[in-house]
Amino acid sequence: MTDGETYIVRADTSNPATASDLYLYVECNCSVGEECQSAQGDDDFPCTYAPPDPSSCPEVAIRARSDGECRVSVRADSCRDDEIANYSLSVVRFDGGGQIPLSLTIEDET
C-alpha cells in the first residue's frame, strides 16, 4: 500500500454450492516496533451467492498511514459445504484506479 492512498478490500462468494458467511480482517504495516493498522468487515454488501444464513459479504475501506504491506484474513462460517468455501478476494484503489497486484499465500488452518 502507498501512504495516503485508500483501498477497498472485499471478499465475495464465488460458487452457490459452497457459499458461506464470510468475515474479513485486514492488518497493515505490522513490523516490529510499529503500531499495526487494522480494519474488519462483515455483512457489508450483498453476496453474489447467498450464504445459508441471512448475511452479506464483507468489505473494508482502509487508508494507508505509510507505505508497506498488508495481511488479509478471511474466515468462513455457516458454510453450505462443510469442507470448502470458495470465495473471491479483491483489492481496489478507492478512486477506481484499478486492481492492485496481490501475492497469495494459502494457509490451511483446518
PDB file of N, CA and C in Angstrom:
ATOM      1  N   MET A   1       0.842  -1.166   0.000  1.00  0.00           N
ATOM      2  CA  MET A   1       0.000   0.000   0.000  1.00  0.00           C
ATOM      3  C   MET A   1       0.890   1.233   0.000  1.00  0.00           C
ATOM      4  N   THR A   2       0.340   2.322  -0.497  1.00  0.00           N
ATOM      5  CA  THR A   2       1.074   3.566  -0.592  1.00  0.00           C
ATOM      6  C   THR A   2       0.491   4.583   0.388  1.00  0.00           C
ATOM      7  N   ASP A   3       1.366   5.261   1.122  1.00  0.00           N
ATOM      8  CA  ASP A   3       0.956   6.245   2.117  1.00  0.00           C
ATOM      9  C   ASP A   3      -0.076   7.217   1.549  1.00  0.00           C
ATOM     10  N   GLY A   4      -1.182   7.401   2.277  1.00  0.00           N
ATOM     11  CA  GLY A   4      -2.206   8.350   1.890  1.00  0.00           C
ATOM     12  C   GLY A   4      -3.269   7.810   0.947  1.00  0.00           C
ATOM     13  N   GLU A   5      -3.023   6.650   0.330  1.00  0.00           N
ATOM     14  CA  GLU A   5      -3.995   6.060  -0.601  1.00  0.00           C
ATOM     15  C   GLU A   5      -5.056   5.281   0.186  1.00  0.00           C
ATOM     16  N   THR A   6      -6.276   5.268  -0.339  1.00  0.00           N
ATOM     17  CA  THR A   6      -7.363   4.498   0.258  1.00  0.00           C
ATOM     18  C   THR A   6      -7.655   3.296  -0.631  1.00  0.00           C
ATOM     19  N   TYR A   7      -7.844   2.145  -0.015  1.00  0.00           N
ATOM     20  CA  TYR A   7      -8.078   0.893  -0.728  1.00  0.00           C
ATOM     21  C   TYR A   7      -9.361   0.245  -0.227  1.00  0.00           C
ATOM     22  N   ILE A   8     -10.032  -0.457  -1.129  1.00  0.00           N
ATOM     23  CA  ILE A   8     -11.206  -1.249  -0.780  1.00  0.00           C
ATOM     24  C   ILE A   8     -10.812  -2.722  -0.898  1.00  0.00           C
ATOM     25  N   VAL A   9     -10.994  -3.470   0.184  1.00  0.00           N
ATOM     26  CA  VAL A   9     -10.727  -4.909   0.200  1.00  0.00           C
ATOM     27  C   VAL A   9     -12.070  -5.586   0.408  1.00  0.00           C
ATOM     28  N   ARG A  10     -12.385  -6.566  -0.465  1.00  0.00           N
ATOM     29  CA  ARG A  10     -13.674  -7.253  -0.317  1.00  0.00           C
ATOM     30  C   ARG A  10     -13.539  -8.734  -0.629  1.00  0.00           C
ATOM     31  N   ALA A  11     -14.352  -9.517   0.058  1.00  0.00           N
ATOM     32  CA  ALA A  11     -14.456 -10.957  -0.184  1.00  0.00           C
ATOM     33  C   ALA A  11     -15.896 -11.244  -0.588  1.00  0.00           C
ATOM     34  N   ASP A  12     -16.066 -12.071  -1.624  1.00  0.00           N
ATOM     35  CA  ASP A  12     -17.396 -12.380  -2.138  1.00  0.00           C
ATOM     36  C   ASP A  12     -17.487 -13.871  -2.436  1.00  0.00           C
ATOM     37  N   THR A  13     -18.657 -14.424  -2.262  1.00  0.00           N
ATOM     38  CA  THR A  13     -18.879 -15.831  -2.590  1.00  0.00           C
ATOM     39  C   THR A  13     -18.733 -16.025  -4.097  1.00  0.00           C
ATOM     40  N   SER A  14     -18.196 -17.173  -4.506  1.00  0.00           N
ATOM     41  CA  SER A  14     -17.955 -17.399  -5.940  1.00  0.00           C
ATOM     42  C   SER A  14     -18.563 -18.691  -6.466  1.00  0.00           C
ATOM     43  N   ASN A  15     -19.287 -19.409  -5.605  1.00  0.00           N
ATOM     44  CA  ASN A  15     -19.876 -20.675  -6.022  1.00  0.00           C
ATOM     45  C   ASN A  15     -21.139 -20.908  -5.171  1.00  0.00           C
ATOM     46  N   PRO A  16     -22.296 -21.088  -5.794  1.00  0.00           N
ATOM     47  CA  PRO A  16     -23.515 -21.269  -4.992  1.00  0.00           C
ATOM     48  C   PRO A  16     -23.484 -22.520  -4.107  1.00  0.00           C
ATOM     49  N   ALA A  17     -22.765 -23.545  -4.531  1.00  0.00           N
ATOM     50  CA  ALA A  17     -22.718 -24.798  -3.762  1.00  0.00           C
ATOM     51  C   ALA A  17     -21.858 -24.680  -2.509  1.00  0.00           C
ATOM     52  N   THR A  18     -20.949 -23.681  -2.462  1.00  0.00           N
ATOM     53  CA  THR A  18     -20.052 -23.537  -1.312  1.00  0.00           C
ATOM     54  C   THR A  18     -20.181 -22.162  -0.659  1.00  0.00           C
ATOM     55  N   ALA A  19     -21.269 -21.451  -0.928  1.00  0.00           N
ATOM     56  CA  ALA A  19     -21.458 -20.114  -0.352  1.00  0.00           C
ATOM     57  C   ALA A  19     -21.402 -20.178   1.168  1.00  0.00           C
ATOM     58  N   SER A  20     -20.727 -19.188   1.767  1.00  0.00           N
ATOM     59  CA  SER A  20     -20.526 -19.153   3.214  1.00  0.00           C
ATOM     60  C   SER A  20     -20.669 -17.732   3.727  1.00  0.00           C
ATOM     61  N   ASP A  21     -20.916 -17.614   5.010  1.00  0.00           N
ATOM     62  CA  ASP A  21     -20.927 -16.313   5.666  1.00  0.00           C
ATOM     63  C   ASP A  21     -19.468 -15.931   5.896  1.00  0.00           C
ATOM     64  N   LEU A  22     -18.972 -14.951   5.145  1.00  0.00           N
ATOM     65  CA  LEU A  22     -17.556 -14.578   5.183  1.00  0.00           C
ATOM     66  C   LEU A  22     -17.319 -13.406   6.132  1.00  0.00           C
ATOM     67  N   TYR A  23     -16.130 -13.397   6.738  1.00  0.00           N
ATOM     68  CA  TYR A  23     -15.675 -12.335   7.629  1.00  0.00           C
ATOM     69  C   TYR A  23     -14.276 -11.946   7.175  1.00  0.00           C
ATOM     70  N   LEU A  24     -13.949 -10.661   7.167  1.00  0.00           N
ATOM     71  CA  LEU A  24     -12.689 -10.163   6.628  1.00  0.00           C
ATOM     72  C   LEU A  24     -11.940  -9.360   7.687  1.00  0.00           C
ATOM     73  N   TYR A  25     -10.639  -9.620   7.796  1.00  0.00           N
ATOM     74  CA  TYR A  25      -9.783  -8.861   8.717  1.00  0.00           C
ATOM     75  C   TYR A  25      -8.535  -8.438   7.960  1.00  0.00           C
ATOM     76  N   VAL A  26      -8.189  -7.150   8.019  1.00  0.00           N
ATOM     77  CA  VAL A  26      -7.026  -6.608   7.318  1.00  0.00           C
ATOM     78  C   VAL A  26      -6.112  -5.949   8.337  1.00  0.00           C
ATOM     79  N   GLU A  27      -4.810  -6.269   8.279  1.00  0.00           N
ATOM     80  CA  GLU A  27      -3.843  -5.590   9.132  1.00  0.00           C
ATOM     81  C   GLU A  27      -2.656  -5.176   8.264  1.00  0.00           C
ATOM     82  N   CYS A  28      -2.194  -3.947   8.465  1.00  0.00           N
ATOM     83  CA  CYS A  28      -1.142  -3.374   7.626  1.00  0.00           C
ATOM     84  C   CYS A  28       0.020  -2.854   8.466  1.00  0.00           C
ATOM     85  N   ASN A  29       1.204  -2.933   7.870  1.00  0.00           N
ATOM     86  CA  ASN A  29       2.419  -2.351   8.443  1.00  0.00           C
ATOM     87  C   ASN A  29       2.647  -2.777   9.891  1.00  0.00           C
ATOM     88  N   CYS A  30       2.693  -4.079  10.102  1.00  0.00           N
ATOM     89  CA  CYS A  30       2.844  -4.623  11.448  1.00  0.00           C
ATOM     90  C   CYS A  30       4.285  -5.028  11.737  1.00  0.00           C
ATOM     91  N   SER A  31       5.236  -4.226  11.296  1.00  0.00           N
ATOM     92  CA  SER A  31       6.649  -4.509  11.578  1.00  0.00           C
ATOM     93  C   SER A  31       6.909  -4.354  13.066  1.00  0.00           C
ATOM     94  N   VAL A  32       7.997  -4.967  13.495  1.00  0.00           N
ATOM     95  CA  VAL A  32       8.365  -4.875  14.902  1.00  0.00           C
ATOM     96  C   VAL A  32       8.568  -3.407  15.266  1.00  0.00           C
ATOM     97  N   GLY A  33       7.981  -2.994  16.371  1.00  0.00           N
ATOM     98  CA  GLY A  33       8.142  -1.624  16.840  1.00  0.00           C
ATOM     99  C   GLY A  33       7.163  -0.628  16.240  1.00  0.00           C
ATOM    100  N   GLU A  34       6.292  -1.062  15.332  1.00  0.00           N
ATOM    101  CA  GLU A  34       5.296  -0.170  14.747  1.00  0.00           C
ATOM    102  C   GLU A  34       3.902  -0.588  15.201  1.00  0.00           C
ATOM    103  N   GLU A  35       3.018   0.382  15.303  1.00  0.00           N
ATOM    104  CA  GLU A  35       1.628   0.091  15.635  1.00  0.00           C
ATOM    105  C   GLU A  35       0.912  -0.401  14.383  1.00  0.00           C
ATOM    106  N   CYS A  36       0.263  -1.542  14.471  1.00  0.00           N
ATOM    107  CA  CYS A  36      -0.481  -2.090  13.332  1.00  0.00           C
ATOM    108  C   CYS A  36      -1.689  -1.218  13.011  1.00  0.00           C
ATOM    109  N   GLN A  37      -1.989  -1.162  11.737  1.00  0.00           N
ATOM    110  CA  GLN A  37      -3.213  -0.520  11.278  1.00  0.00           C
ATOM    111  C   GLN A  37      -4.139  -1.662  10.890  1.00  0.00           C
ATOM    112  N   SER A  38      -5.371  -1.685  11.408  1.00  0.00           N
ATOM    113  CA  SER A  38      -6.250  -2.810  11.122  1.00  0.00           C
ATOM    114  C   SER A  38      -7.683  -2.354  10.879  1.00  0.00           C
ATOM    115  N   ALA A  39      -8.427  -3.218  10.193  1.00  0.00           N
ATOM    116  CA  ALA A  39      -9.847  -2.984   9.929  1.00  0.00           C
ATOM    117  C   ALA A  39     -10.512  -4.340   9.754  1.00  0.00           C
ATOM    118  N   GLN A  40     -11.811  -4.400   9.978  1.00  0.00           N
ATOM    119  CA  GLN A  40     -12.546  -5.650   9.814  1.00  0.00           C
ATOM    120  C   GLN A  40     -13.878  -5.380   9.136  1.00  0.00           C
ATOM    121  N   GLY A  41     -14.373  -6.407   8.448  1.00  0.00           N
ATOM    122  CA  GLY A  41     -15.635  -6.258   7.742  1.00  0.00           C
ATOM    123  C   GLY A  41     -16.496  -7.505   7.872  1.00  0.00           C
ATOM    124  N   ASP A  42     -17.807  -7.289   7.886  1.00  0.00           N
ATOM    125  CA  ASP A  42     -18.766  -8.383   7.985  1.00  0.00           C
ATOM    126  C   ASP A  42     -20.132  -7.838   7.578  1.00  0.00           C
ATOM    127  N   ASP A  43     -20.794  -8.505   6.662  1.00  0.00           N
ATOM    128  CA  ASP A  43     -22.154  -8.129   6.249  1.00  0.00           C
ATOM    129  C   ASP A  43     -22.238  -6.696   5.704  1.00  0.00           C
ATOM    130  N   ASP A  44     -21.384  -6.379   4.716  1.00  0.00           N
ATOM    131  CA  ASP A  44     -21.308  -5.019   4.186  1.00  0.00           C
ATOM    132  C   ASP A  44     -21.939  -4.817   2.811  1.00  0.00           C
ATOM    133  N   PHE A  45     -22.054  -5.870   2.004  1.00  0.00           N
ATOM    134  CA  PHE A  45     -22.688  -5.748   0.689  1.00  0.00           C
ATOM    135  C   PHE A  45     -23.302  -7.096   0.318  1.00  0.00           C
ATOM    136  N   PRO A  46     -24.294  -7.113  -0.574  1.00  0.00           N
ATOM    137  CA  PRO A  46     -24.935  -8.380  -0.947  1.00  0.00           C
ATOM    138  C   PRO A  46     -23.947  -9.333  -1.651  1.00  0.00           C
ATOM    139  N   CYS A  47     -23.893 -10.565  -1.190  1.00  0.00           N
ATOM    140  CA  CYS A  47     -23.022 -11.570  -1.802  1.00  0.00           C
ATOM    141  C   CYS A  47     -23.545 -11.951  -3.192  1.00  0.00           C
ATOM    142  N   THR A  48     -22.636 -12.381  -4.064  1.00  0.00           N
ATOM    143  CA  THR A  48     -23.042 -12.883  -5.370  1.00  0.00           C
ATOM    144  C   THR A  48     -23.925 -14.109  -5.208  1.00  0.00           C
ATOM    145  N   TYR A  49     -23.536 -15.019  -4.312  1.00  0.00           N
ATOM    146  CA  TYR A  49     -24.332 -16.213  -3.993  1.00  0.00           C
ATOM    147  C   TYR A  49     -24.618 -16.178  -2.493  1.00  0.00           C
ATOM    148  N   ALA A  50     -25.883 -16.220  -2.142  1.00  0.00           N
ATOM    149  CA  ALA A  50     -26.290 -16.074  -0.749  1.00  0.00           C
ATOM    150  C   ALA A  50     -25.803 -17.232   0.113  1.00  0.00           C
ATOM    151  N   PRO A  51     -25.242 -16.927   1.282  1.00  0.00           N
ATOM    152  CA  PRO A  51     -24.872 -17.968   2.242  1.00  0.00           C
ATOM    153  C   PRO A  51     -26.130 -18.593   2.847  1.00  0.00           C
ATOM    154  N   PRO A  52     -25.993 -19.727   3.544  1.00  0.00           N
ATOM    155  CA  PRO A  52     -27.163 -20.402   4.115  1.00  0.00           C
ATOM    156  C   PRO A  52     -27.908 -19.564   5.154  1.00  0.00           C
ATOM    157  N   ASP A  53     -27.204 -18.731   5.897  1.00  0.00           N
ATOM    158  CA  ASP A  53     -27.905 -17.866   6.849  1.00  0.00           C
ATOM    159  C   ASP A  53     -28.087 -16.491   6.190  1.00  0.00           C
ATOM    160  N   PRO A  54     -28.998 -15.703   6.655  1.00  0.00           N
ATOM    161  CA  PRO A  54     -29.244 -14.409   6.007  1.00  0.00           C
ATOM    162  C   PRO A  54     -28.138 -13.398   6.346  1.00  0.00           C
ATOM    163  N   SER A  55     -27.070 -13.413   5.586  1.00  0.00           N
ATOM    164  CA  SER A  55     -25.971 -12.483   5.821  1.00  0.00           C
ATOM    165  C   SER A  55     -25.472 -11.937   4.486  1.00  0.00           C
ATOM    166  N   SER A  56     -24.595 -10.962   4.575  1.00  0.00           N
ATOM    167  CA  SER A  56     -23.993 -10.352   3.395  1.00  0.00           C
ATOM    168  C   SER A  56     -22.491 -10.604   3.419  1.00  0.00           C
ATOM    169  N   CYS A  57     -21.777 -10.067   2.427  1.00  0.00           N
ATOM    170  CA  CYS A  57     -20.327 -10.272   2.331  1.00  0.00           C
ATOM    171  C   CYS A  57     -19.560  -9.069   2.894  1.00  0.00           C
ATOM    172  N   PRO A  58     -18.284  -9.285   3.271  1.00  0.00           N
ATOM    173  CA  PRO A  58     -17.513  -8.232   3.926  1.00  0.00           C
ATOM    174  C   PRO A  58     -16.744  -7.330   2.957  1.00  0.00           C
ATOM    175  N   GLU A  59     -16.618  -6.063   3.366  1.00  0.00           N
ATOM    176  CA  GLU A  59     -15.837  -5.077   2.627  1.00  0.00           C
ATOM    177  C   GLU A  59     -15.180  -4.149   3.636  1.00  0.00           C
ATOM    178  N   VAL A  60     -13.929  -3.777   3.367  1.00  0.00           N
ATOM    179  CA  VAL A  60     -13.191  -2.882   4.251  1.00  0.00           C
ATOM    180  C   VAL A  60     -12.586  -1.765   3.411  1.00  0.00           C
ATOM    181  N   ALA A  61     -12.730  -0.536   3.866  1.00  0.00           N
ATOM    182  CA  ALA A  61     -12.018   0.600   3.275  1.00  0.00           C
ATOM    183  C   ALA A  61     -10.914   0.981   4.252  1.00  0.00           C
ATOM    184  N   ILE A  62      -9.690   1.048   3.771  1.00  0.00           N
ATOM    185  CA  ILE A  62      -8.567   1.365   4.649  1.00  0.00           C
ATOM    186  C   ILE A  62      -7.655   2.376   3.958  1.00  0.00           C
ATOM    187  N   ARG A  63      -7.309   3.432   4.679  1.00  0.00           N
ATOM    188  CA  ARG A  63      -6.412   4.470   4.164  1.00  0.00           C
ATOM    189  C   ARG A  63      -5.033   4.224   4.762  1.00  0.00           C
ATOM    190  N   ALA A  64      -4.050   4.026   3.903  1.00  0.00           N
ATOM    191  CA  ALA A  64      -2.697   3.691   4.354  1.00  0.00           C
ATOM    192  C   ALA A  64      -2.064   4.878   5.087  1.00  0.00           C
ATOM    193  N   ARG A  65      -1.490   4.602   6.255  1.00  0.00           N
ATOM    194  CA  ARG A  65      -0.785   5.639   7.015  1.00  0.00           C
ATOM    195  C   ARG A  65       0.691   5.701   6.638  1.00  0.00           C
ATOM    196  N   SER A  66       1.154   4.664   5.921  1.00  0.00           N
ATOM    197  CA  SER A  66       2.540   4.645   5.449  1.00  0.00           C
ATOM    198  C   SER A  66       2.653   3.593   4.349  1.00  0.00           C
ATOM    199  N   ASP A  67       3.752   3.636   3.591  1.00  0.00           N
ATOM    200  CA  ASP A  67       3.991   2.612   2.578  1.00  0.00           C
ATOM    201  C   ASP A  67       4.212   1.276   3.287  1.00  0.00           C
ATOM    202  N   GLY A  68       3.783   0.191   2.673  1.00  0.00           N
ATOM    203  CA  GLY A  68       4.019  -1.102   3.296  1.00  0.00           C
ATOM    204  C   GLY A  68       3.118  -2.198   2.767  1.00  0.00           C
ATOM    205  N   GLU A  69       3.103  -3.305   3.494  1.00  0.00           N
ATOM    206  CA  GLU A  69       2.337  -4.487   3.116  1.00  0.00           C
ATOM    207  C   GLU A  69       1.205  -4.726   4.099  1.00  0.00           C
ATOM    208  N   CYS A  70       0.209  -5.450   3.611  1.00  0.00           N
ATOM    209  CA  CYS A  70      -0.938  -5.795   4.446  1.00  0.00           C
ATOM    210  C   CYS A  70      -1.152  -7.307   4.429  1.00  0.00           C
ATOM    211  N   ARG A  71      -1.776  -7.796   5.461  1.00  0.00           N
ATOM    212  CA  ARG A  71      -2.182  -9.198   5.540  1.00  0.00           C
ATOM    213  C   ARG A  71      -3.701  -9.214   5.624  1.00  0.00           C
ATOM    214  N   VAL A  72      -4.301 -10.054   4.797  1.00  0.00           N
ATOM    215  CA  VAL A  72      -5.758 -10.170   4.758  1.00  0.00           C
ATOM    216  C   VAL A  72      -6.137 -11.577   5.205  1.00  0.00           C
ATOM    217  N   SER A  73      -7.032 -11.668   6.158  1.00  0.00           N
ATOM    218  CA  SER A  73      -7.541 -12.960   6.622  1.00  0.00           C
ATOM    219  C   SER A  73      -9.030 -13.029   6.332  1.00  0.00           C
ATOM    220  N   VAL A  74      -9.472 -14.183   5.834  1.00  0.00           N
ATOM    221  CA  VAL A  74     -10.887 -14.405   5.564  1.00  0.00           C
ATOM    222  C   VAL A  74     -11.319 -15.635   6.352  1.00  0.00           C
ATOM    223  N   ARG A  75     -12.412 -15.483   7.084  1.00  0.00           N
ATOM    224  CA  ARG A  75     -12.976 -16.605   7.839  1.00  0.00           C
ATOM    225  C   ARG A  75     -14.330 -16.938   7.234  1.00  0.00           C
ATOM    226  N   ALA A  76     -14.651 -18.203   7.166  1.00  0.00           N
ATOM    227  CA  ALA A  76     -15.942 -18.645   6.632  1.00  0.00           C
ATOM    228  C   ALA A  76     -16.724 -19.369   7.724  1.00  0.00           C
ATOM    229  N   ASP A  77     -17.953 -18.924   7.938  1.00  0.00           N
ATOM    230  CA  ASP A  77     -18.869 -19.561   8.894  1.00  0.00           C
ATOM    231  C   ASP A  77     -20.127 -19.967   8.137  1.00  0.00           C
ATOM    232  N   SER A  78     -20.958 -20.752   8.737  1.00  0.00           N
ATOM    233  CA  SER A  78     -22.246 -21.158   8.152  1.00  0.00           C
ATOM    234  C   SER A  78     -22.098 -21.542   6.682  1.00  0.00           C
ATOM    235  N   CYS A  79     -21.287 -22.554   6.421  1.00  0.00           N
ATOM    236  CA  CYS A  79     -20.979 -22.973   5.046  1.00  0.00           C
ATOM    237  C   CYS A  79     -22.033 -23.938   4.497  1.00  0.00           C
ATOM    238  N   ARG A  80     -22.299 -23.821   3.194  1.00  0.00           N
ATOM    239  CA  ARG A  80     -23.173 -24.790   2.526  1.00  0.00           C
ATOM    240  C   ARG A  80     -22.461 -26.141   2.402  1.00  0.00           C
ATOM    241  N   ASP A  81     -21.142 -26.103   2.294  1.00  0.00           N
ATOM    242  CA  ASP A  81     -20.324 -27.311   2.203  1.00  0.00           C
ATOM    243  C   ASP A  81     -19.390 -27.303   3.408  1.00  0.00           C
ATOM    244  N   ASP A  82     -19.386 -28.365   4.197  1.00  0.00           N
ATOM    245  CA  ASP A  82     -18.580 -28.403   5.420  1.00  0.00           C
ATOM    246  C   ASP A  82     -17.077 -28.446   5.174  1.00  0.00           C
ATOM    247  N   GLU A  83     -16.649 -28.740   3.937  1.00  0.00           N
ATOM    248  CA  GLU A  83     -15.227 -28.913   3.684  1.00  0.00           C
ATOM    249  C   GLU A  83     -14.576 -27.796   2.870  1.00  0.00           C
ATOM    250  N   ILE A  84     -15.366 -26.960   2.204  1.00  0.00           N
ATOM    251  CA  ILE A  84     -14.761 -25.933   1.362  1.00  0.00           C
ATOM    252  C   ILE A  84     -15.674 -24.711   1.278  1.00  0.00           C
ATOM    253  N   ALA A  85     -15.049 -23.547   1.161  1.00  0.00           N
ATOM    254  CA  ALA A  85     -15.787 -22.287   0.979  1.00  0.00           C
ATOM    255  C   ALA A  85     -15.059 -21.508  -0.119  1.00  0.00           C
ATOM    256  N   ASN A  86     -15.605 -21.542  -1.325  1.00  0.00           N
ATOM    257  CA  ASN A  86     -14.998 -20.796  -2.428  1.00  0.00           C
ATOM    258  C   ASN A  86     -15.396 -19.327  -2.333  1.00  0.00           C
ATOM    259  N   TYR A  87     -14.401 -18.446  -2.510  1.00  0.00           N
ATOM    260  CA  TYR A  87     -14.691 -17.011  -2.498  1.00  0.00           C
ATOM    261  C   TYR A  87     -13.665 -16.283  -3.351  1.00  0.00           C
ATOM    262  N   SER A  88     -13.996 -15.060  -3.742  1.00  0.00           N
ATOM    263  CA  SER A  88     -13.046 -14.213  -4.461  1.00  0.00           C
ATOM    264  C   SER A  88     -12.628 -13.089  -3.520  1.00  0.00           C
ATOM    265  N   LEU A  89     -11.401 -12.638  -3.695  1.00  0.00           N
ATOM    266  CA  LEU A  89     -10.840 -11.569  -2.880  1.00  0.00           C
ATOM    267  C   LEU A  89     -10.322 -10.502  -3.821  1.00  0.00           C
ATOM    268  N   SER A  90     -10.688  -9.257  -3.596  1.00  0.00           N
ATOM    269  CA  SER A  90     -10.195  -8.180  -4.461  1.00  0.00           C
ATOM    270  C   SER A  90      -9.715  -6.993  -3.630  1.00  0.00           C
ATOM    271  N   VAL A  91      -8.736  -6.287  -4.179  1.00  0.00           N
ATOM    272  CA  VAL A  91      -8.227  -5.055  -3.588  1.00  0.00           C
ATOM    273  C   VAL A  91      -8.230  -4.015  -4.699  1.00  0.00           C
ATOM    274  N   VAL A  92      -8.904  -2.899  -4.473  1.00  0.00           N
ATOM    275  CA  VAL A  92      -9.045  -1.857  -5.487  1.00  0.00           C
ATOM    276  C   VAL A  92      -8.778  -0.504  -4.851  1.00  0.00           C
ATOM    277  N   ARG A  93      -8.100   0.378  -5.582  1.00  0.00           N
ATOM    278  CA  ARG A  93      -7.955   1.746  -5.103  1.00  0.00           C
ATOM    279  C   ARG A  93      -9.337   2.379  -5.004  1.00  0.00           C
ATOM    280  N   PHE A  94      -9.564   3.149  -3.970  1.00  0.00           N
ATOM    281  CA  PHE A  94     -10.863   3.769  -3.734  1.00  0.00           C
ATOM    282  C   PHE A  94     -11.307   4.652  -4.895  1.00  0.00           C
ATOM    283  N   ASP A  95     -10.370   5.302  -5.573  1.00  0.00           N
ATOM    284  CA  ASP A  95     -10.725   6.214  -6.655  1.00  0.00           C
ATOM    285  C   ASP A  95     -11.017   5.475  -7.959  1.00  0.00           C
ATOM    286  N   GLY A  96     -11.075   4.144  -7.903  1.00  0.00           N
ATOM    287  CA  GLY A  96     -11.334   3.362  -9.110  1.00  0.00           C
ATOM    288  C   GLY A  96     -10.098   3.185  -9.976  1.00  0.00           C
ATOM    289  N   GLY A  97      -8.925   3.374  -9.393  1.00  0.00           N
ATOM    290  CA  GLY A  97      -7.668   3.320 -10.135  1.00  0.00           C
ATOM    291  C   GLY A  97      -7.257   1.942 -10.600  1.00  0.00           C
ATOM    292  N   GLY A  98      -8.055   0.934 -10.392  1.00  0.00           N
ATOM    293  CA  GLY A  98      -7.742  -0.393 -10.906  1.00  0.00           C
ATOM    294  C   GLY A  98      -7.321  -1.371  -9.832  1.00  0.00           C
ATOM    295  N   GLN A  99      -7.161  -2.615 -10.252  1.00  0.00           N
ATOM    296  CA  GLN A  99      -6.770  -3.682  -9.335  1.00  0.00           C
ATOM    297  C   GLN A  99      -5.333  -3.477  -8.854  1.00  0.00           C
ATOM    298  N   ILE A 100      -5.083  -3.813  -7.614  1.00  0.00           N
ATOM    299  CA  ILE A 100      -3.754  -3.747  -7.019  1.00  0.00           C
ATOM    300  C   ILE A 100      -3.172  -5.156  -7.069  1.00  0.00           C
ATOM    301  N   PRO A 101      -1.911  -5.318  -7.507  1.00  0.00           N
ATOM    302  CA  PRO A 101      -1.327  -6.662  -7.539  1.00  0.00           C
ATOM    303  C   PRO A 101      -1.336  -7.305  -6.148  1.00  0.00           C
ATOM    304  N   LEU A 102      -1.712  -8.571  -6.109  1.00  0.00           N
ATOM    305  CA  LEU A 102      -1.747  -9.324  -4.862  1.00  0.00           C
ATOM    306  C   LEU A 102      -0.789 -10.494  -4.932  1.00  0.00           C
ATOM    307  N   SER A 103      -0.178 -10.823  -3.805  1.00  0.00           N
ATOM    308  CA  SER A 103       0.517 -12.098  -3.714  1.00  0.00           C
ATOM    309  C   SER A 103      -0.304 -12.928  -2.742  1.00  0.00           C
ATOM    310  N   LEU A 104      -0.506 -14.183  -3.057  1.00  0.00           N
ATOM    311  CA  LEU A 104      -1.394 -15.030  -2.275  1.00  0.00           C
ATOM    312  C   LEU A 104      -0.604 -16.159  -1.638  1.00  0.00           C
ATOM    313  N   THR A 105      -0.741 -16.267  -0.339  1.00  0.00           N
ATOM    314  CA  THR A 105      -0.176 -17.384   0.393  1.00  0.00           C
ATOM    315  C   THR A 105      -1.347 -18.146   0.976  1.00  0.00           C
ATOM    316  N   ILE A 106      -1.439 -19.422   0.677  1.00  0.00           N
ATOM    317  CA  ILE A 106      -2.558 -20.223   1.153  1.00  0.00           C
ATOM    318  C   ILE A 106      -2.114 -20.988   2.385  1.00  0.00           C
ATOM    319  N   GLU A 107      -2.852 -20.770   3.458  1.00  0.00           N
ATOM    320  CA  GLU A 107      -2.580 -21.452   4.717  1.00  0.00           C
ATOM    321  C   GLU A 107      -3.854 -22.182   5.109  1.00  0.00           C
ATOM    322  N   ASP A 108      -3.800 -23.486   5.162  1.00  0.00           N
ATOM    323  CA  ASP A 108      -4.967 -24.273   5.547  1.00  0.00           C
ATOM    324  C   ASP A 108      -4.937 -24.431   7.058  1.00  0.00           C
ATOM    325  N   GLU A 109      -5.857 -23.778   7.739  1.00  0.00           N
ATOM    326  CA  GLU A 109      -5.877 -23.810   9.205  1.00  0.00           C
ATOM    327  C   GLU A 109      -6.866 -24.812   9.759  1.00  0.00           C
ATOM    328  N   THR A 110      -7.316 -25.764   8.919  1.00  0.00           N
ATOM    329  CA  THR A 110      -8.268 -26.764   9.408  1.00  0.00           C
ATOM    330  C   THR A 110      -7.565 -27.906  10.066  1.00  0.00           C
TER     331      THR A 110
END
